[in-house]
Amino acid sequence: MLLKPDLNNRSFDNFQLMRTLTLRILGTTPLILHRISRHELREQIASDASKGILFEQEALENMSKDDDGNPVVPVSWLWDAIRKGCSKITVDGGSQLSFVRLQQVLHLPSGSIPLRKRNQHLDREWEVYTSVQHASPGSKKMITVVAPMFRHWMLEGSVAVDGNQYDDYLLQRVFNEAGKVGMGLFHPPKKQFGKFTTFVTPSDVRLSQVKLGAVRSSLER
């Protein structure tokens, strides 16, 4: 829905166009969908043997999921990957792409994105992942991490972009770098989980070829 701007507002002169893009994110390595994505938080990701439950049940409890129990990826994970990806991109003669400026014009979905399986013929979406880790760097104490692992995963959604400052080619570069960073527990550089590739395609371009004067005239009728 395109909101009609207030023609008496002087800020109309700075009225910007908004375009909508469709994102299709395909996992290239398995995703560890623990509700905690930071491997540094050892005490929080450590398995609690005192519960006396099966690994499968514990993995399900640890899964990042919505209120209905469906697996989801928090949008904050994607933002973290984008932030690190921006550090790999240079623009304007060698300056680093500003994550802060990008975040001001790129509008991702809020909350979380449903996780989908890429192969609809699979009977099971996920399997139990277990790993023995040091409780801290150099520590002799060991912990066990239990989490759900999705081998064939994908995300789909729409994003909005203000103006034409960041074209689709640049945004594709951003998501390419973000995919190398990955998401979820034990993503690079810790391990190689959660990496992905992204397909960015235009789905809606509003008023992209119309001069602002013509826009004002058409709205005043």
Protein backbone atom coordinates (compact mmCIF):
# COMPACT_ATOMS: atom_id res chain seq x y z
CA MET A 1 0.00 0.00 0.00
CA LEU A 2 1.43 3.41 -1.00
CA LEU A 3 0.59 6.15 1.48
CA LYS A 4 -0.49 9.51 0.10
CA PRO A 5 1.89 12.20 1.35
CA ASP A 6 0.70 15.44 2.92
CA LEU A 7 1.06 18.04 0.15
CA ASN A 8 1.21 20.87 2.71
CA ASN A 9 4.22 19.30 4.37
CA ARG A 10 7.48 20.86 3.15
CA SER A 11 9.18 17.48 3.58
CA PHE A 12 7.25 16.34 0.48
CA ASP A 13 10.06 17.86 -1.57
CA ASN A 14 12.26 15.12 -0.16
CA PHE A 15 9.71 12.40 -0.88
CA GLN A 16 11.54 9.18 -1.74
CA LEU A 17 10.49 6.21 -3.73
CA MET A 18 10.26 2.77 -2.18
CA ARG A 19 10.77 -0.49 -3.95
CA THR A 20 10.09 -4.03 -2.82
CA LEU A 21 12.42 -6.97 -3.36
CA THR A 22 11.89 -10.67 -2.91
CA LEU A 23 14.58 -12.62 -1.07
CA ARG A 24 15.09 -16.33 -1.52
CA ILE A 25 17.75 -17.61 0.85
CA LEU A 26 19.00 -21.15 0.25
CA GLY A 27 21.21 -22.87 2.80
CA THR A 28 24.50 -24.19 1.40
CA THR A 29 25.63 -25.79 4.68
CA PRO A 30 23.50 -27.27 7.50
CA LEU A 31 21.89 -24.82 9.92
CA ILE A 32 22.20 -25.38 13.69
CA LEU A 33 18.93 -23.85 14.88
CA HIS A 34 19.70 -23.46 18.57
CA ARG A 35 17.74 -20.56 20.08
CA ILE A 36 21.13 -19.14 21.13
CA SER A 37 23.36 -18.42 18.16
CA ARG A 38 26.49 -17.26 19.99
CA HIS A 39 28.88 -20.10 20.71
CA GLU A 40 30.69 -17.93 23.27
CA LEU A 41 27.75 -18.35 25.69
CA ARG A 42 28.94 -21.78 26.80
CA GLU A 43 26.87 -22.10 29.95
CA GLN A 44 23.68 -21.28 28.07
CA ILE A 45 24.24 -23.72 25.21
CA ALA A 46 25.57 -26.56 27.39
CA SER A 47 23.36 -29.63 27.67
CA ASP A 48 21.83 -30.16 31.11
CA ALA A 49 22.25 -33.84 31.92
CA SER A 50 20.22 -33.41 35.11
CA LYS A 51 17.04 -33.14 33.04
CA GLY A 52 17.27 -36.81 32.21
CA ILE A 53 15.65 -36.44 28.81
CA LEU A 54 16.56 -37.81 25.41
CA PHE A 55 18.78 -35.77 23.12
CA GLU A 56 15.94 -35.53 20.61
CA GLN A 57 13.61 -33.95 23.15
CA GLU A 58 16.33 -31.59 24.33
CA ALA A 59 17.10 -30.56 20.76
CA LEU A 60 13.42 -29.74 20.24
CA GLU A 61 13.37 -27.67 23.42
CA ASN A 62 16.46 -25.75 22.28
CA MET A 63 15.07 -25.03 18.82
CA SER A 64 14.37 -21.45 17.79
CA LYS A 65 10.61 -21.55 17.14
CA ASP A 66 7.46 -19.46 17.10
CA ASP A 67 4.51 -19.65 19.48
CA ASP A 68 3.07 -22.56 17.51
CA GLY A 69 6.29 -24.56 17.74
CA ASN A 70 7.36 -24.03 14.13
CA PRO A 71 11.07 -23.46 13.39
CA VAL A 72 11.99 -19.85 12.70
CA VAL A 73 15.12 -17.80 12.11
CA PRO A 74 15.26 -14.54 14.10
CA VAL A 75 15.72 -11.56 11.80
CA SER A 76 18.45 -10.35 14.15
CA TRP A 77 20.61 -13.25 12.92
CA LEU A 78 20.26 -12.01 9.35
CA TRP A 79 21.11 -8.46 10.42
CA ASP A 80 24.27 -9.74 12.14
CA ALA A 81 25.33 -11.49 8.95
CA ILE A 82 24.60 -8.36 6.89
CA ARG A 83 26.57 -6.18 9.31
CA LYS A 84 29.64 -8.39 8.97
CA GLY A 85 29.11 -8.66 5.23
CA CYS A 86 29.15 -4.87 4.86
CA SER A 87 32.69 -4.83 6.26
CA LYS A 88 33.82 -6.77 3.18
CA ILE A 89 32.38 -4.30 0.64
CA THR A 90 33.95 -1.05 -0.49
CA VAL A 91 32.14 1.74 -2.35
CA ASP A 92 32.82 5.33 -3.46
CA GLY A 93 36.45 4.85 -4.32
CA GLY A 94 37.42 2.56 -1.49
CA SER A 95 35.36 3.49 1.57
CA GLN A 96 33.66 0.71 3.50
CA LEU A 97 29.93 0.30 2.98
CA SER A 98 28.16 1.80 5.98
CA PHE A 99 25.98 -0.73 7.79
CA VAL A 100 24.29 2.07 9.73
CA ARG A 101 23.20 3.84 6.54
CA LEU A 102 22.11 0.58 4.94
CA GLN A 103 20.02 -0.32 7.96
CA GLN A 104 18.20 3.01 7.64
CA VAL A 105 16.93 2.28 4.13
CA LEU A 106 16.66 -1.53 4.11
CA HIS A 107 13.54 -2.81 5.86
CA LEU A 108 13.61 -6.52 6.70
CA PRO A 109 10.62 -8.40 8.11
CA SER A 110 10.18 -7.92 11.85
CA GLY A 111 10.61 -10.63 14.44
CA SER A 112 11.42 -13.87 12.70
CA ILE A 113 11.18 -15.67 9.36
CA PRO A 114 9.66 -19.17 9.05
CA LEU A 115 12.21 -21.83 8.18
CA ARG A 116 11.24 -24.02 5.24
CA LYS A 117 12.67 -27.27 3.96
CA ARG A 118 13.98 -27.24 0.41
CA ASN A 119 13.09 -30.84 -0.33
CA GLN A 120 9.38 -31.37 0.22
CA HIS A 121 9.81 -35.13 -0.16
CA LEU A 122 11.87 -35.44 3.02
CA ASP A 123 9.97 -37.17 5.81
CA ARG A 124 11.95 -35.38 8.49
CA GLU A 125 12.97 -31.73 8.52
CA TRP A 126 15.79 -31.94 11.05
CA GLU A 127 18.07 -34.25 12.94
CA VAL A 128 19.82 -34.12 16.31
CA TYR A 129 23.22 -32.46 16.37
CA THR A 130 25.57 -33.14 19.28
CA SER A 131 29.04 -31.76 19.83
CA VAL A 132 31.56 -31.85 22.69
CA GLN A 133 33.16 -28.46 23.31
CA HIS A 134 35.55 -26.89 25.80
CA ALA A 135 33.70 -24.93 28.48
CA SER A 136 36.02 -22.01 27.76
CA PRO A 137 39.22 -21.43 25.77
CA GLY A 138 41.99 -23.49 27.33
CA SER A 139 39.65 -25.10 29.87
CA LYS A 140 39.83 -28.84 30.55
CA LYS A 141 36.14 -28.88 31.40
CA MET A 142 34.01 -30.15 28.56
CA ILE A 143 30.36 -29.53 27.72
CA THR A 144 27.96 -31.19 25.33
CA VAL A 145 25.88 -29.10 22.94
CA VAL A 146 22.58 -30.51 21.71
CA ALA A 147 20.57 -28.76 19.00
CA PRO A 148 18.40 -29.39 15.94
CA MET A 149 20.23 -29.41 12.62
CA PHE A 150 18.55 -28.66 9.29
CA ARG A 151 20.49 -29.92 6.29
CA HIS A 152 18.18 -28.64 3.54
CA TRP A 153 16.76 -25.29 4.53
CA MET A 154 15.54 -22.07 3.00
CA LEU A 155 13.95 -18.72 3.83
CA GLU A 156 11.68 -16.55 1.71
CA GLY A 157 10.38 -13.06 2.26
CA SER A 158 10.02 -9.51 1.01
CA VAL A 159 12.08 -6.48 1.95
CA ALA A 160 11.51 -2.80 1.25
CA VAL A 161 14.21 -0.37 0.16
CA ASP A 162 13.94 3.42 0.38
CA GLY A 163 15.11 5.37 -2.65
CA ASN A 164 17.64 4.34 -5.25
CA GLN A 165 20.83 4.92 -3.30
CA TYR A 166 21.43 1.18 -3.00
CA ASP A 167 20.70 -0.62 -6.25
CA ASP A 168 19.85 -4.31 -6.58
CA TYR A 169 23.38 -5.17 -7.66
CA LEU A 170 24.88 -3.70 -4.50
CA LEU A 171 22.28 -5.39 -2.30
CA GLN A 172 23.04 -8.70 -4.00
CA ARG A 173 26.72 -8.18 -3.11
CA VAL A 174 25.74 -7.49 0.50
CA PHE A 175 23.74 -10.70 0.76
CA ASN A 176 26.49 -12.66 -0.98
CA GLU A 177 28.94 -11.58 1.72
CA ALA A 178 26.36 -12.18 4.45
CA GLY A 179 25.92 -15.72 3.16
CA LYS A 180 29.63 -16.40 3.70
CA VAL A 181 29.26 -15.25 7.30
CA GLY A 182 26.26 -17.49 7.88
CA MET A 183 23.68 -17.70 10.66
CA GLY A 184 22.82 -19.85 13.63
CA LEU A 185 25.04 -21.65 16.12
CA PHE A 186 28.61 -22.44 15.05
CA HIS A 187 28.48 -20.32 11.88
CA PRO A 188 31.81 -19.15 10.44
CA PRO A 189 34.46 -18.58 11.56
CA LYS A 190 33.81 -20.99 14.45
CA LYS A 191 32.66 -23.75 12.07
CA GLN A 192 31.07 -23.88 8.64
CA PHE A 193 27.40 -24.17 9.58
CA GLY A 194 24.63 -21.80 8.49
CA LYS A 195 26.12 -20.51 5.23
CA PHE A 196 23.71 -19.54 2.47
CA THR A 197 23.23 -18.02 -0.95
CA THR A 198 20.60 -15.37 -1.68
CA PHE A 199 18.61 -14.55 -4.80
CA VAL A 200 17.44 -10.92 -4.85
CA THR A 201 14.70 -10.13 -7.37
CA PRO A 202 12.53 -7.01 -7.82
CA SER A 203 8.87 -7.60 -7.03
CA ASP A 204 7.45 -4.08 -6.95
CA VAL A 205 8.89 -0.75 -8.14
CA ARG A 206 6.64 2.21 -7.43
CA LEU A 207 6.94 5.50 -9.33
CA SER A 208 10.53 4.70 -10.24
CA GLN A 209 10.36 6.58 -13.59
CA VAL A 210 8.12 9.48 -12.52
CA LYS A 211 9.46 12.94 -11.76
CA LEU A 212 8.51 14.32 -8.35
CA GLY A 213 6.74 17.28 -9.96
CA ALA A 214 4.51 14.93 -11.90
CA VAL A 215 3.82 12.94 -8.75
CA ARG A 216 2.76 16.10 -6.95
CA SER A 217 0.48 17.12 -9.85
CA SER A 218 -1.21 13.75 -10.01
CA LEU A 219 -1.84 13.72 -6.27
CA GLU A 220 -3.29 17.25 -6.29
CA ARG A 221 -6.02 16.32 -8.76
